[in-house]
Amino acid sequence: MENIVELKQVVKEYPLGKLTVRALSDINLTIEKGEFTVIAGPSGSGKTTLLNMVGCVDTPSSGSVTVRGQRIEQLGDRARTQLRLAELGFIFQTFNLIPDLTAAQNVEFPLLLQGTLTKKERQRRVAELFELVDLTPQIKQRPNELSGGQRQRVAIARALVTQPGIVLADEPTANLDSVTGLNIIDLMKDLNQKRQTTFIFSTHDQRVMQHAQRVIQIVDGCLSEGAPAS
C-alpha cells in the first residue's frame, strides 16, 4: 500500500513567555492510503497539533512531515496552501460553516478557491455530494435552519467536494448527540470503504475508536499504538 502520510522524529515546540512548551515529542507515524485511523487522547495531549502538522497548517520545529510525497517543512506558504486545497479535506467539531451562505454554497466554496471547474461542473459535483450525504432537500437552506447532524453532513460534503486523498476530522462528534454521532461515523466509514478516502480523526470518543482500523494513543505529546478495533 502507498504511504500517504509520514512523520519522522517530529518535534513541535511553542514559546510561552520565557518558557518553551513541547506539544509533540519525537513523533514517528506512517499512514497508508485508505486507512481509517484515530488519534486518541485527552484534551491537551497534542491531538490537534498533530492534525495541524498533517493538514499543512503548521510545520514542525524539527523532524519531517511528508504528505502525498511532499515535505511540508520545505514548502513555502503558497505551496502549502495549494497542497491543502488539492489533497486535504477538513471536518471540525464546530462545523465552521459560513452562516450567510446556503448549504450548497458552503460546499461549493472550496471549488471556487481551486478555480479549476466550470459553474456547471461545480453544481453537478455539489449535487452528487448532497445525494451522497442524504441532504438533497436541504441543499438551499442556511446553516441556522439545519440540525447539528445536518450541519455536520454539510461539513462532510464540503470536505469531500475537492475529492481529497485525505480527510482530517478534529473531534467531529463532540457536539452531536449519541445517535447522530453514530450516524455520522457510519457515513464516514461508508465513504472510506467506497472511495478509499483516508480518514484521520482526533478524538476521545470511544464510539469513534470502535470503528477505527487503527487507534493511536497520544499522551503528553508522545505516541503509542493501541490495539486495532474489532
Foldseek 3Di string as FASTA:
>chain_A
DAFQKWWAQFWAWDDDPPDIATQAGGDTDTDHQLFFEEAEDDPSLNLVVVVCCQLLVDHTPDTFMAGRRDTSVPDDPVVSVVCNLQAEFEAEQVLPFDQVAALLCSLLVSVVVVVPDDPVVSSVLSCVLCVLLVNNVRRGHGPVVDDSLVSRSSSVSSRPSSPHQEYEYEANCVPPDPVSSLVSLVSVLVCSVVSSRHYYYYHNDVSNQLSGQWYWYGGNNDIDTDDGHD
